[in-house]
Amino acid sequence: MVTSSTLLLQFSNQMKSKGLLILISIRMVIGWIGVLATFLNFGKPSIFIAIGFTFYFFGTSLLGKYIILNKQKNPIGNRWIMFCLGIDFSVLLLGFCLAIFAHPVGMRALPIQNSIFFSLFLLYQLYISFFLHRTFSIVMGIIVSCGYLSVIYFAHHLGVVIDFGYQLSPQGPNGVLFILEILKVIFLIAKTICIVKLVTFLLDILENNNQKLATELDERESSLIQSDRLVTLGSLASNVAHEIKNPLAGILSMVNFLLEEEKRFLTNREPLWKEKEKRIVWKHRTKKQKREELDMILQLFSFLPRNDAFYLADRCIDLGIDYHSFEGLGREEGRDWEFVFAWLKYKTMENANLLISNSIHRTEKVIATFQQFSKPFQDTEKEVVRIGPGIRDILILYNQYLEMNRNLKTEIDERLEAKVNEPAIKLVWSHLVYNAIQATPNQSGEIQVKVFRNGENQIEVNFTDNGPGIPKHLQSSVFQPFFTTKEKGDGIGLGLFICKNIITEQGGTIHFRSEPGNTTFRVCLPESKRKDQEKDGKE
């Protein structure tokens, strides 16, 4: 999977390559200025300087462009770029000095007066500004200004007259006005400051965008990881379901077989056992009554062997049978007692069969719910389902939280039906139940789930908890993606966003009302018209 760091590195490399190509373009402009200088200096001593200047910038620009286009994976380092910019400045400064030196004595102020190299220095500052390096731009601005003044000082040693007066006067071919050159330098410094400000602004924008991009990519990575985990869980659940359902089916089949065998044995022994069973009196006992009646049964039927008496007492208490049903049987009715013990054994197996069957069906329901979570959005087909049983399936998943630490109250109308995508709607119930569990304290938490038909003939599902509530200034952001009020690591802020999207796709609405001690999420779904449609079809 592509990580945010990889994407940011690619983005940074692309931006750097584009910036270097802009540098090359500006160098080409400086090269064309060299071409113009070559034409203007025909027959003049500085023509060879202009030609060399032109070939240098054109040649190195083409070479630099070739290197940049072939260095996408391993971009050129900043130090190499600074070194090349320093060489370019040295070439400009050297060309300026050679142009002054090439002019004959008495005319060496002309290159300074024409300001062509000063214009090149301005372009050079614009050129380095696209490197987007604040410190380097400031340092080079100082060096360019000092370099220009140093060349004027060099020209003064070659015989150029410098006028330090405060009033402007006509300049001769061998004289320059110092104040005019200072104004040029001030202009260069002002331009440098503006460029640095611009560069700072651009860098701040890039840093902010990079930071936002990194945050967004991290959030998307977390979302993808959660989705991947969900798919993995679904795949694992499918495999586990296949491995578990077969043994469960075998266990259920064998338990039913054993019960049928016991029933057949009892029927062969006593064909009229069902008629005798009708005379049995059933009785509910408290814990205290169970302890008291155990001794009474042992005393009343003390004529039975000790093991048989204990078995009779245990079965009567566990199955809820009134022992007075067997008072008429004495020691001599041995065949009747054989039937009683065979019948007690059958009823014990019948209760065990019921318990095992219910446990197996509950396990299968939990596995089926997990399987539905594996692809809640892949199956868009809707069907008419009962909302109540679907919510109870989800409550089974969180049974350990609800029974041990929290008080759960349910008011569910089992008859209400809606045409929805069942896996997706179960995912909504799972999110809302788990959010309520997380919002409530362990020992004093109270959660209420209510399903009913409201006044607008809609199915309304309310999830209410007594947690601390959602602060008012955060309530407008609850359904936004990646927004969460939970502690870091407890959630990524996609649960309610997904819930809202699912409910909207099912043609319903979701709202909430929250205050300290009472938060209710209210889901409304259109009730199914299946019954009406069936009636219309029959007519």
Protein backbone atom coordinates (compact mmCIF):
# COMPACT_ATOMS: atom_id res chain seq x y z
CA MET A 1 0.00 0.00 0.00
CA VAL A 2 1.23 3.47 -0.86
CA THR A 3 1.91 5.37 2.36
CA SER A 4 1.55 9.09 2.96
CA SER A 5 5.32 9.50 3.29
CA THR A 6 5.80 7.93 -0.15
CA LEU A 7 3.19 10.19 -1.73
CA LEU A 8 4.64 13.28 -0.07
CA LEU A 9 8.13 12.32 -1.25
CA GLN A 10 6.84 11.92 -4.80
CA PHE A 11 5.01 15.24 -4.56
CA SER A 12 8.12 16.97 -3.18
CA ASN A 13 10.29 15.53 -5.93
CA GLN A 14 7.85 16.66 -8.62
CA MET A 15 7.65 20.17 -7.16
CA LYS A 16 11.41 20.39 -6.98
CA SER A 17 11.79 19.22 -10.57
CA LYS A 18 9.25 21.82 -11.73
CA GLY A 19 11.09 24.53 -9.79
CA LEU A 20 14.41 23.54 -11.38
CA LEU A 21 12.84 23.63 -14.83
CA ILE A 22 11.68 27.20 -14.08
CA LEU A 23 15.29 28.01 -13.15
CA ILE A 24 16.41 26.63 -16.50
CA SER A 25 13.81 28.75 -18.30
CA ILE A 26 15.06 31.94 -16.61
CA ARG A 27 18.66 31.01 -17.49
CA MET A 28 17.55 30.68 -21.11
CA VAL A 29 16.15 34.24 -20.91
CA ILE A 30 19.55 35.42 -19.65
CA GLY A 31 21.12 33.55 -22.60
CA TRP A 32 18.84 35.40 -25.05
CA ILE A 33 19.88 38.66 -23.45
CA GLY A 34 23.43 37.56 -24.28
CA VAL A 35 22.36 37.08 -27.90
CA LEU A 36 20.92 40.61 -27.95
CA ALA A 37 24.14 41.95 -26.41
CA THR A 38 26.14 40.19 -29.14
CA PHE A 39 24.22 42.00 -31.90
CA LEU A 40 24.50 45.36 -30.13
CA ASN A 41 28.27 44.98 -29.70
CA PHE A 42 29.28 44.27 -33.30
CA GLY A 43 32.60 45.97 -33.87
CA LYS A 44 33.03 46.67 -30.16
CA PRO A 45 35.61 45.12 -27.83
CA SER A 46 33.04 43.39 -25.62
CA ILE A 47 31.46 41.26 -28.40
CA PHE A 48 33.56 38.22 -27.50
CA ILE A 49 32.44 38.51 -23.87
CA ALA A 50 28.79 38.55 -24.99
CA ILE A 51 29.34 35.52 -27.24
CA GLY A 52 31.02 33.52 -24.44
CA PHE A 53 28.30 34.63 -22.06
CA THR A 54 25.62 33.40 -24.51
CA PHE A 55 27.23 30.01 -25.14
CA TYR A 56 27.73 29.45 -21.39
CA PHE A 57 24.10 30.03 -20.42
CA PHE A 58 22.58 28.22 -23.40
CA GLY A 59 24.92 25.25 -23.12
CA THR A 60 24.62 24.79 -19.37
CA SER A 61 20.83 25.28 -19.51
CA LEU A 62 20.39 22.48 -22.04
CA LEU A 63 22.74 20.26 -20.01
CA GLY A 64 20.85 21.07 -16.78
CA LYS A 65 17.48 20.32 -18.40
CA TYR A 66 18.75 16.93 -19.57
CA ILE A 67 20.05 16.11 -16.07
CA ILE A 68 16.79 17.17 -14.36
CA LEU A 69 14.61 15.12 -16.72
CA ASN A 70 16.73 12.04 -16.04
CA LYS A 71 16.92 12.51 -12.25
CA GLN A 72 13.25 12.09 -11.32
CA LYS A 73 13.90 9.22 -8.90
CA ASN A 74 17.08 10.69 -7.43
CA PRO A 75 16.66 14.48 -7.56
CA ILE A 76 19.60 16.87 -7.45
CA GLY A 77 20.54 17.93 -3.91
CA ASN A 78 20.24 21.49 -2.64
CA ARG A 79 23.99 21.88 -2.22
CA TRP A 80 24.63 21.14 -5.88
CA ILE A 81 21.97 23.68 -6.89
CA MET A 82 23.51 26.36 -4.64
CA PHE A 83 26.93 25.58 -6.04
CA CYS A 84 25.69 26.00 -9.63
CA LEU A 85 23.93 29.26 -8.73
CA GLY A 86 27.18 30.52 -7.23
CA ILE A 87 29.05 29.67 -10.47
CA ASP A 88 26.41 31.55 -12.49
CA PHE A 89 26.87 34.61 -10.30
CA SER A 90 30.67 34.34 -10.72
CA VAL A 91 30.23 34.23 -14.52
CA LEU A 92 28.01 37.32 -14.44
CA LEU A 93 30.48 39.17 -12.21
CA LEU A 94 33.45 38.09 -14.33
CA GLY A 95 31.66 39.17 -17.54
CA PHE A 96 30.92 42.55 -15.97
CA CYS A 97 34.58 43.03 -15.01
CA LEU A 98 35.87 41.86 -18.44
CA ALA A 99 33.44 44.21 -20.24
CA ILE A 100 34.82 47.17 -18.27
CA PHE A 101 38.39 46.04 -18.83
CA ALA A 102 37.83 45.47 -22.60
CA HIS A 103 36.72 49.05 -23.22
CA PRO A 104 39.49 51.48 -24.05
CA VAL A 105 40.77 53.91 -21.47
CA GLY A 106 38.45 56.83 -21.16
CA MET A 107 35.34 54.82 -22.04
CA ARG A 108 35.32 52.18 -19.29
CA ALA A 109 32.31 53.67 -17.54
CA LEU A 110 30.01 52.79 -20.44
CA PRO A 111 29.14 49.20 -19.26
CA ILE A 112 28.18 50.61 -15.88
CA GLN A 113 26.14 53.45 -17.40
CA ASN A 114 24.31 51.11 -19.79
CA SER A 115 23.19 49.05 -16.77
CA ILE A 116 22.91 45.91 -18.88
CA PHE A 117 24.79 43.84 -16.30
CA PHE A 118 22.77 45.43 -13.52
CA SER A 119 19.66 44.21 -15.36
CA LEU A 120 21.27 40.78 -15.53
CA PHE A 121 21.79 40.90 -11.76
CA LEU A 122 18.09 41.66 -11.34
CA LEU A 123 17.21 38.66 -13.50
CA TYR A 124 19.69 36.59 -11.52
CA GLN A 125 17.93 37.48 -8.27
CA LEU A 126 14.62 36.49 -9.83
CA TYR A 127 16.34 33.36 -11.05
CA ILE A 128 17.55 32.26 -7.59
CA SER A 129 14.26 33.20 -5.95
CA PHE A 130 12.57 30.30 -7.71
CA PHE A 131 14.83 28.00 -5.79
CA LEU A 132 12.40 28.68 -2.90
CA HIS A 133 15.09 28.96 -0.26
CA ARG A 134 14.70 31.98 2.00
CA THR A 135 18.16 32.04 3.58
CA PHE A 136 19.92 31.48 0.28
CA SER A 137 17.91 34.28 -1.40
CA ILE A 138 18.85 36.75 1.37
CA VAL A 139 22.54 35.80 1.30
CA MET A 140 22.72 36.01 -2.50
CA GLY A 141 20.92 39.37 -2.45
CA ILE A 142 23.65 40.72 -0.17
CA ILE A 143 26.40 39.14 -2.31
CA VAL A 144 24.93 40.53 -5.56
CA SER A 145 24.71 44.04 -4.09
CA CYS A 146 28.24 43.86 -2.68
CA GLY A 147 29.49 42.35 -5.95
CA TYR A 148 28.04 45.20 -8.00
CA LEU A 149 29.65 47.80 -5.72
CA SER A 150 32.94 45.86 -5.86
CA VAL A 151 32.96 46.03 -9.68
CA ILE A 152 32.45 49.82 -9.50
CA TYR A 153 35.41 49.98 -7.13
CA PHE A 154 37.39 47.80 -9.61
CA ALA A 155 36.43 50.22 -12.45
CA HIS A 156 37.62 53.16 -10.33
CA HIS A 157 41.09 51.53 -10.14
CA LEU A 158 41.03 51.24 -13.96
CA GLY A 159 40.58 55.01 -14.28
CA VAL A 160 36.81 55.47 -14.09
CA VAL A 161 35.90 58.73 -12.38
CA ILE A 162 33.32 58.45 -9.58
CA ASP A 163 31.35 61.60 -8.77
CA PHE A 164 30.35 61.62 -5.06
CA GLY A 165 28.37 64.87 -5.38
CA TYR A 166 24.78 65.29 -4.18
CA GLN A 167 23.53 66.89 -7.41
CA LEU A 168 23.02 65.00 -10.62
CA SER A 169 25.27 66.16 -13.46
CA PRO A 170 25.86 64.88 -17.00
CA GLN A 171 28.05 61.79 -17.08
CA GLY A 172 30.98 61.48 -19.43
CA PRO A 173 32.14 58.22 -21.07
CA ASN A 174 34.59 57.71 -18.21
CA GLY A 175 32.54 58.85 -15.20
CA VAL A 176 29.70 57.53 -13.06
CA LEU A 177 27.50 59.18 -10.42
CA PHE A 178 27.91 57.35 -7.14
CA ILE A 179 24.48 58.37 -5.87
CA LEU A 180 22.85 56.92 -8.98
CA GLU A 181 24.65 53.62 -8.48
CA ILE A 182 23.58 53.59 -4.79
CA LEU A 183 19.99 54.03 -5.95
CA LYS A 184 20.45 51.06 -8.22
CA VAL A 185 21.78 49.02 -5.30
CA ILE A 186 18.88 50.15 -3.07
CA PHE A 187 16.51 49.11 -5.80
CA LEU A 188 18.27 45.74 -5.95
CA ILE A 189 18.00 45.33 -2.15
CA ALA A 190 14.31 46.33 -2.20
CA LYS A 191 13.66 43.84 -4.94
CA THR A 192 15.50 41.18 -2.92
CA ILE A 193 13.32 41.88 0.13
CA CYS A 194 10.17 41.61 -1.98
CA ILE A 195 11.36 38.35 -3.48
CA VAL A 196 12.20 36.94 -0.06
CA LYS A 197 8.73 37.95 1.18
CA LEU A 198 7.18 36.26 -1.84
CA VAL A 199 9.31 33.16 -1.33
CA THR A 200 8.33 33.06 2.37
CA PHE A 201 4.66 33.31 1.45
CA LEU A 202 4.97 30.52 -1.11
CA LEU A 203 6.90 28.31 1.29
CA ASP A 204 4.31 28.81 4.02
CA ILE A 205 1.56 27.81 1.59
CA LEU A 206 3.51 24.73 0.53
CA GLU A 207 4.22 23.74 4.15
CA ASN A 208 0.58 24.16 5.14
CA ASN A 209 -0.59 22.21 2.12
CA ASN A 210 1.94 19.48 2.81
CA GLN A 211 0.83 19.28 6.42
CA LYS A 212 -2.83 19.10 5.44
CA LEU A 213 -2.01 16.55 2.78
CA ALA A 214 -0.06 14.45 5.29
CA THR A 215 -2.93 14.58 7.79
CA GLU A 216 -5.51 13.69 5.16
CA LEU A 217 -3.38 10.84 3.84
CA ASP A 218 -2.84 9.50 7.37
CA GLU A 219 -6.58 9.59 7.94
CA ARG A 220 -7.22 7.86 4.63
CA GLU A 221 -4.61 5.26 5.52
CA SER A 222 -6.38 4.63 8.82
CA SER A 223 -9.69 4.33 6.96
CA LEU A 224 -8.20 1.88 4.47
CA ILE A 225 -6.63 -0.12 7.29
CA GLN A 226 -9.99 -0.31 9.07
CA SER A 227 -11.70 -1.36 5.82
CA ASP A 228 -9.01 -3.92 5.20
CA ARG A 229 -9.45 -5.25 8.73
CA LEU A 230 -13.20 -5.44 8.19
CA VAL A 231 -12.77 -7.40 4.97
CA THR A 232 -10.18 -9.63 6.65
CA LEU A 233 -12.55 -10.18 9.56
CA GLY A 234 -15.33 -11.07 7.14
CA SER A 235 -13.11 -13.51 5.25
CA LEU A 236 -11.92 -15.02 8.51
CA ALA A 237 -15.50 -15.21 9.78
CA SER A 238 -16.56 -17.03 6.61
CA ASN A 239 -13.77 -19.57 7.01
CA VAL A 240 -14.43 -19.98 10.73
CA ALA A 241 -18.17 -20.26 10.08
CA HIS A 242 -17.56 -23.07 7.62
CA GLU A 243 -15.33 -24.89 10.11
CA ILE A 244 -17.72 -24.36 13.04
CA LYS A 245 -21.10 -24.89 11.36
CA ASN A 246 -20.31 -28.44 10.26
CA PRO A 247 -19.40 -29.66 13.78
CA LEU A 248 -22.35 -27.74 15.23
CA ALA A 249 -24.70 -29.35 12.73
CA GLY A 250 -23.23 -32.76 13.63
CA ILE A 251 -23.69 -32.09 17.35
CA LEU A 252 -27.27 -30.90 16.86
CA SER A 253 -28.09 -33.92 14.68
CA MET A 254 -26.60 -36.36 17.18
CA VAL A 255 -28.40 -34.75 20.14
CA ASN A 256 -31.72 -34.99 18.27
CA PHE A 257 -30.93 -38.60 17.37
CA LEU A 258 -30.22 -39.52 21.00
CA LEU A 259 -33.42 -37.82 22.13
CA GLU A 260 -35.44 -39.71 19.50
CA GLU A 261 -33.81 -42.99 20.58
CA GLU A 262 -34.70 -42.30 24.19
CA LYS A 263 -38.25 -41.43 23.17
CA ARG A 264 -38.51 -44.65 21.15
CA PHE A 265 -37.22 -46.67 24.08
CA LEU A 266 -39.76 -45.02 26.42
CA THR A 267 -42.61 -45.60 23.95
CA ASN A 268 -41.72 -49.27 23.53
CA ARG A 269 -41.62 -49.67 27.30
CA GLU A 270 -44.82 -47.77 27.98
CA PRO A 271 -46.97 -46.88 24.92
CA LEU A 272 -49.32 -44.78 27.05
CA TRP A 273 -46.59 -42.71 28.70
CA LYS A 274 -47.98 -39.43 27.34
CA GLU A 275 -51.27 -40.10 29.12
CA LYS A 276 -49.45 -40.76 32.37
CA GLU A 277 -47.36 -37.61 31.85
CA LYS A 278 -50.53 -35.53 31.92
CA ARG A 279 -51.05 -36.51 35.56
CA ILE A 280 -47.67 -35.08 36.56
CA VAL A 281 -47.89 -31.84 38.57
CA TRP A 282 -45.29 -29.17 37.89
CA LYS A 283 -44.04 -26.76 40.51
CA HIS A 284 -41.76 -23.72 40.66
CA ARG A 285 -39.42 -23.57 43.68
CA THR A 286 -37.27 -20.86 45.19
CA LYS A 287 -33.70 -21.59 46.25
CA LYS A 288 -34.82 -22.00 49.86
CA GLN A 289 -37.61 -24.39 48.86
CA LYS A 290 -35.19 -26.46 46.80
CA ARG A 291 -32.95 -27.01 49.83
CA GLU A 292 -35.91 -27.87 52.08
CA GLU A 293 -37.66 -30.25 49.66
CA LEU A 294 -34.50 -32.20 48.92
CA ASP A 295 -34.55 -33.63 52.47
CA MET A 296 -38.34 -34.14 52.36
CA ILE A 297 -38.12 -36.17 49.14
CA LEU A 298 -35.30 -38.32 50.55
CA GLN A 299 -37.35 -39.02 53.70
CA LEU A 300 -40.63 -39.68 51.82
CA PHE A 301 -39.03 -42.15 49.40
CA SER A 302 -36.50 -43.63 51.81
CA PHE A 303 -37.56 -47.14 50.78
CA LEU A 304 -35.83 -46.60 47.42
CA PRO A 305 -32.14 -47.40 47.03
CA ARG A 306 -30.03 -44.43 48.11
CA ASN A 307 -28.81 -43.62 44.55
CA ASP A 308 -32.34 -43.87 43.12
CA ALA A 309 -33.73 -41.62 45.88
CA PHE A 310 -31.09 -38.97 45.26
CA TYR A 311 -31.70 -39.20 41.47
CA LEU A 312 -35.46 -38.76 42.00
CA ALA A 313 -34.94 -35.76 44.28
CA ASP A 314 -32.46 -34.07 41.91
CA ARG A 315 -34.68 -34.62 38.86
CA CYS A 316 -37.81 -33.34 40.58
CA ILE A 317 -36.04 -30.17 41.72
CA ASP A 318 -34.15 -29.54 38.43
CA LEU A 319 -37.12 -30.26 36.14
CA GLY A 320 -39.67 -28.50 38.38
CA ILE A 321 -41.80 -31.59 39.19
CA ASP A 322 -43.98 -31.76 42.27
CA TYR A 323 -42.87 -34.88 44.18
CA HIS A 324 -46.47 -35.44 45.34
CA SER A 325 -47.09 -36.78 41.82
CA PHE A 326 -45.26 -39.98 42.89
CA GLU A 327 -46.73 -40.38 46.43
CA GLY A 328 -49.06 -43.19 45.43
CA LEU A 329 -46.17 -45.42 44.35
CA GLY A 330 -44.91 -47.78 47.02
CA ARG A 331 -41.98 -50.13 47.36
CA GLU A 332 -43.82 -52.96 45.62
CA GLU A 333 -44.57 -51.06 42.36
CA GLY A 334 -41.20 -51.89 40.80
CA ARG A 335 -42.39 -51.69 37.17
CA ASP A 336 -43.96 -48.28 37.75
CA TRP A 337 -40.74 -47.02 39.29
CA GLU A 338 -38.82 -48.25 36.23
CA PHE A 339 -41.13 -46.18 34.05
CA VAL A 340 -40.68 -43.12 36.32
CA PHE A 341 -36.90 -43.28 36.10
CA ALA A 342 -37.00 -43.87 32.33
CA TRP A 343 -39.37 -40.91 31.95
CA LEU A 344 -37.18 -38.69 34.17
CA LYS A 345 -34.20 -39.61 32.03
CA TYR A 346 -36.10 -38.72 28.88
CA LYS A 347 -37.26 -35.34 30.28
CA THR A 348 -33.68 -34.59 31.36
CA MET A 349 -32.41 -35.31 27.86
CA GLU A 350 -35.25 -33.23 26.41
CA ASN A 351 -34.21 -30.20 28.52
CA ALA A 352 -30.54 -30.74 27.61
CA ASN A 353 -31.50 -31.01 23.95
CA LEU A 354 -33.39 -27.71 24.15
CA LEU A 355 -30.46 -25.98 25.86
CA ILE A 356 -27.91 -27.32 23.34
CA SER A 357 -30.13 -26.45 20.36
CA ASN A 358 -30.64 -22.89 21.59
CA SER A 359 -26.92 -22.46 22.19
CA ILE A 360 -26.07 -23.77 18.73
CA HIS A 361 -28.64 -21.53 17.05
CA ARG A 362 -27.31 -18.54 18.99
CA THR A 363 -23.74 -19.35 17.93
CA GLU A 364 -24.83 -19.67 14.30
CA LYS A 365 -26.60 -16.31 14.54
CA VAL A 366 -23.45 -14.61 15.88
CA ILE A 367 -21.34 -16.11 13.09
CA ALA A 368 -23.92 -15.09 10.47
CA THR A 369 -23.87 -11.52 11.80
CA PHE A 370 -20.09 -11.40 11.51
CA GLN A 371 -20.33 -12.70 7.96
CA GLN A 372 -22.77 -9.94 7.08
CA PHE A 373 -20.29 -7.34 8.38
CA SER A 374 -17.69 -8.55 5.89
CA LYS A 375 -19.39 -6.95 2.89
CA PRO A 376 -22.12 -4.55 4.00
CA PHE A 377 -21.63 -2.27 0.99
CA GLN A 378 -20.94 -4.84 -1.70
CA ASP A 379 -24.50 -6.17 -1.71
CA THR A 380 -26.83 -3.29 -2.56
CA GLU A 381 -29.92 -5.46 -2.92
CA LYS A 382 -32.71 -4.55 -0.52
CA GLU A 383 -35.21 -6.90 1.04
CA VAL A 384 -38.06 -6.67 3.50
CA VAL A 385 -36.72 -7.54 6.96
CA ARG A 386 -37.90 -7.17 10.52
CA ILE A 387 -35.95 -4.47 12.30
CA GLY A 388 -36.36 -5.83 15.85
CA PRO A 389 -34.67 -9.24 15.36
CA GLY A 390 -31.75 -7.56 13.56
CA ILE A 391 -31.16 -5.28 16.54
CA ARG A 392 -31.37 -8.23 18.95
CA ASP A 393 -28.70 -10.02 16.87
CA ILE A 394 -26.39 -7.05 17.45
CA LEU A 395 -27.20 -6.92 21.16
CA ILE A 396 -26.06 -10.55 21.40
CA LEU A 397 -22.62 -9.50 20.11
CA TYR A 398 -22.23 -6.97 22.93
CA ASN A 399 -23.91 -9.13 25.55
CA GLN A 400 -20.85 -9.24 27.83
CA TYR A 401 -20.76 -5.42 28.09
CA LEU A 402 -24.50 -5.10 28.62
CA GLU A 403 -25.13 -7.88 31.14
CA MET A 404 -22.07 -7.40 33.37
CA ASN A 405 -21.51 -3.65 33.57
CA ARG A 406 -24.52 -1.79 32.16
CA ASN A 407 -28.26 -1.76 32.53
CA LEU A 408 -29.98 -2.45 29.19
CA LYS A 409 -33.65 -1.67 28.61
CA THR A 410 -35.42 -2.64 25.39
CA GLU A 411 -38.83 -1.76 24.00
CA ILE A 412 -38.87 -3.41 20.61
CA ASP A 413 -41.90 -3.94 18.41
CA GLU A 414 -40.94 -7.19 16.66
CA ARG A 415 -43.58 -6.79 13.94
CA LEU A 416 -42.21 -3.69 12.20
CA GLU A 417 -40.63 -4.31 8.79
CA ALA A 418 -38.59 -2.16 6.41
CA LYS A 419 -37.13 -2.72 2.95
CA VAL A 420 -33.39 -2.27 3.54
CA ASN A 421 -30.02 -3.85 2.89
CA GLU A 422 -29.83 -6.05 6.00
CA PRO A 423 -26.01 -6.31 6.34
CA ALA A 424 -25.61 -2.55 6.00
CA ILE A 425 -28.40 -1.69 8.43
CA LYS A 426 -26.97 -4.13 10.99
CA LEU A 427 -23.66 -2.28 10.71
CA VAL A 428 -25.53 0.91 11.67
CA TRP A 429 -27.05 -0.77 14.74
CA SER A 430 -23.60 -2.09 15.69
CA HIS A 431 -22.01 1.38 15.52
CA LEU A 432 -24.79 3.03 17.54
CA VAL A 433 -24.86 0.32 20.23
CA TYR A 434 -21.08 0.34 20.60
CA ASN A 435 -20.99 4.16 20.74
CA ALA A 436 -23.54 4.04 23.57
CA ILE A 437 -21.42 1.44 25.39
CA GLN A 438 -18.28 3.56 25.04
CA ALA A 439 -20.11 6.70 26.20
CA THR A 440 -21.46 5.16 29.41
CA PRO A 441 -19.59 4.35 32.65
CA ASN A 442 -18.97 0.70 33.56
CA GLN A 443 -21.11 0.28 36.67
CA SER A 444 -23.73 3.02 36.39
CA GLY A 445 -24.23 2.97 32.61
CA GLU A 446 -27.78 2.80 31.28
CA ILE A 447 -28.69 2.12 27.66
CA GLN A 448 -32.17 2.05 26.22
CA VAL A 449 -33.11 0.69 22.78
CA LYS A 450 -36.58 1.44 21.54
CA VAL A 451 -38.24 0.43 18.24
CA PHE A 452 -41.74 1.68 17.47
CA ARG A 453 -43.97 3.22 14.81
CA ASN A 454 -44.02 7.00 15.19
CA GLY A 455 -46.76 9.46 14.34
CA GLU A 456 -45.50 9.82 10.77
CA ASN A 457 -45.97 6.08 10.06
CA GLN A 458 -42.23 5.53 10.08
CA ILE A 459 -40.18 2.97 11.94
CA GLU A 460 -38.29 4.89 14.59
CA VAL A 461 -35.27 3.38 16.36
CA ASN A 462 -33.88 5.24 19.39
CA PHE A 463 -30.58 4.53 21.13
CA THR A 464 -30.38 6.43 24.43
CA ASP A 465 -27.52 6.47 26.94
CA ASN A 466 -26.74 8.34 30.16
CA GLY A 467 -23.18 9.29 29.16
CA PRO A 468 -21.63 12.77 29.49
CA GLY A 469 -23.10 13.87 26.17
CA ILE A 470 -21.60 15.70 23.19
CA PRO A 471 -20.49 19.33 23.77
CA LYS A 472 -22.65 21.82 21.90
CA HIS A 473 -19.75 23.36 19.99
CA LEU A 474 -18.89 19.91 18.56
CA GLN A 475 -22.40 18.73 17.68
CA SER A 476 -22.37 20.24 14.19
CA SER A 477 -19.30 18.15 13.28
CA VAL A 478 -20.47 14.76 14.58
CA PHE A 479 -21.35 13.31 11.14
CA GLN A 480 -18.24 14.66 9.40
CA PRO A 481 -15.63 12.09 8.32
CA PHE A 482 -12.62 11.60 10.61
CA PHE A 483 -14.20 13.64 13.41
CA THR A 484 -14.26 11.93 16.81
CA THR A 485 -14.73 12.91 20.44
CA LYS A 486 -13.10 9.70 21.67
CA GLU A 487 -9.60 9.29 22.97
CA LYS A 488 -6.83 8.69 20.45
CA GLY A 489 -6.78 5.03 19.51
CA ASP A 490 -10.47 4.42 20.40
CA GLY A 491 -11.79 5.51 17.02
CA ILE A 492 -10.98 7.29 13.77
CA GLY A 493 -14.25 9.21 13.35
CA LEU A 494 -15.83 7.23 10.51
CA GLY A 495 -18.58 5.34 12.37
CA LEU A 496 -21.30 8.00 12.37
CA PHE A 497 -20.26 9.21 8.92
CA ILE A 498 -20.80 5.68 7.57
CA CYS A 499 -24.08 5.39 9.51
CA LYS A 500 -25.44 8.58 7.95
CA ASN A 501 -24.50 7.44 4.43
CA ILE A 502 -26.11 4.03 4.94
CA ILE A 503 -29.31 5.45 6.41
CA THR A 504 -29.56 7.98 3.56
CA GLU A 505 -29.12 5.18 1.00
CA GLN A 506 -31.94 3.24 2.71
CA GLY A 507 -34.24 6.25 2.34
CA GLY A 508 -34.18 7.15 6.03
CA THR A 509 -32.86 9.88 8.32
CA ILE A 510 -30.64 10.00 11.39
CA HIS A 511 -30.57 12.76 14.01
CA PHE A 512 -29.43 13.11 17.58
CA ARG A 513 -30.14 15.12 20.69
CA SER A 514 -27.48 15.37 23.36
CA GLU A 515 -27.12 16.89 26.78
CA PRO A 516 -25.19 15.76 29.86
CA GLY A 517 -26.71 12.50 31.10
CA ASN A 518 -28.99 11.95 28.11
CA THR A 519 -27.98 11.39 24.50
CA THR A 520 -30.39 9.91 21.95
CA PHE A 521 -29.64 8.92 18.36
CA ARG A 522 -32.87 8.70 16.39
CA VAL A 523 -33.10 6.69 13.17
CA CYS A 524 -36.26 6.82 11.05
CA LEU A 525 -36.91 4.34 8.23
CA PRO A 526 -39.90 4.05 5.89
CA GLU A 527 -42.09 1.13 6.92
CA SER A 528 -42.45 -1.66 4.38
CA LYS A 529 -45.76 -1.91 2.51
CA ARG A 530 -45.35 -5.63 1.83
CA LYS A 531 -48.70 -6.56 3.32
CA ASP A 532 -50.50 -3.97 1.25
CA GLN A 533 -48.65 -5.11 -1.86
CA GLU A 534 -49.62 -8.74 -1.20
CA LYS A 535 -53.25 -7.71 -0.86
CA ASP A 536 -53.10 -5.76 -4.13
CA GLY A 537 -51.52 -8.77 -5.82
CA LYS A 538 -54.29 -11.12 -4.65
CA GLU A 539 -56.98 -8.75 -5.88
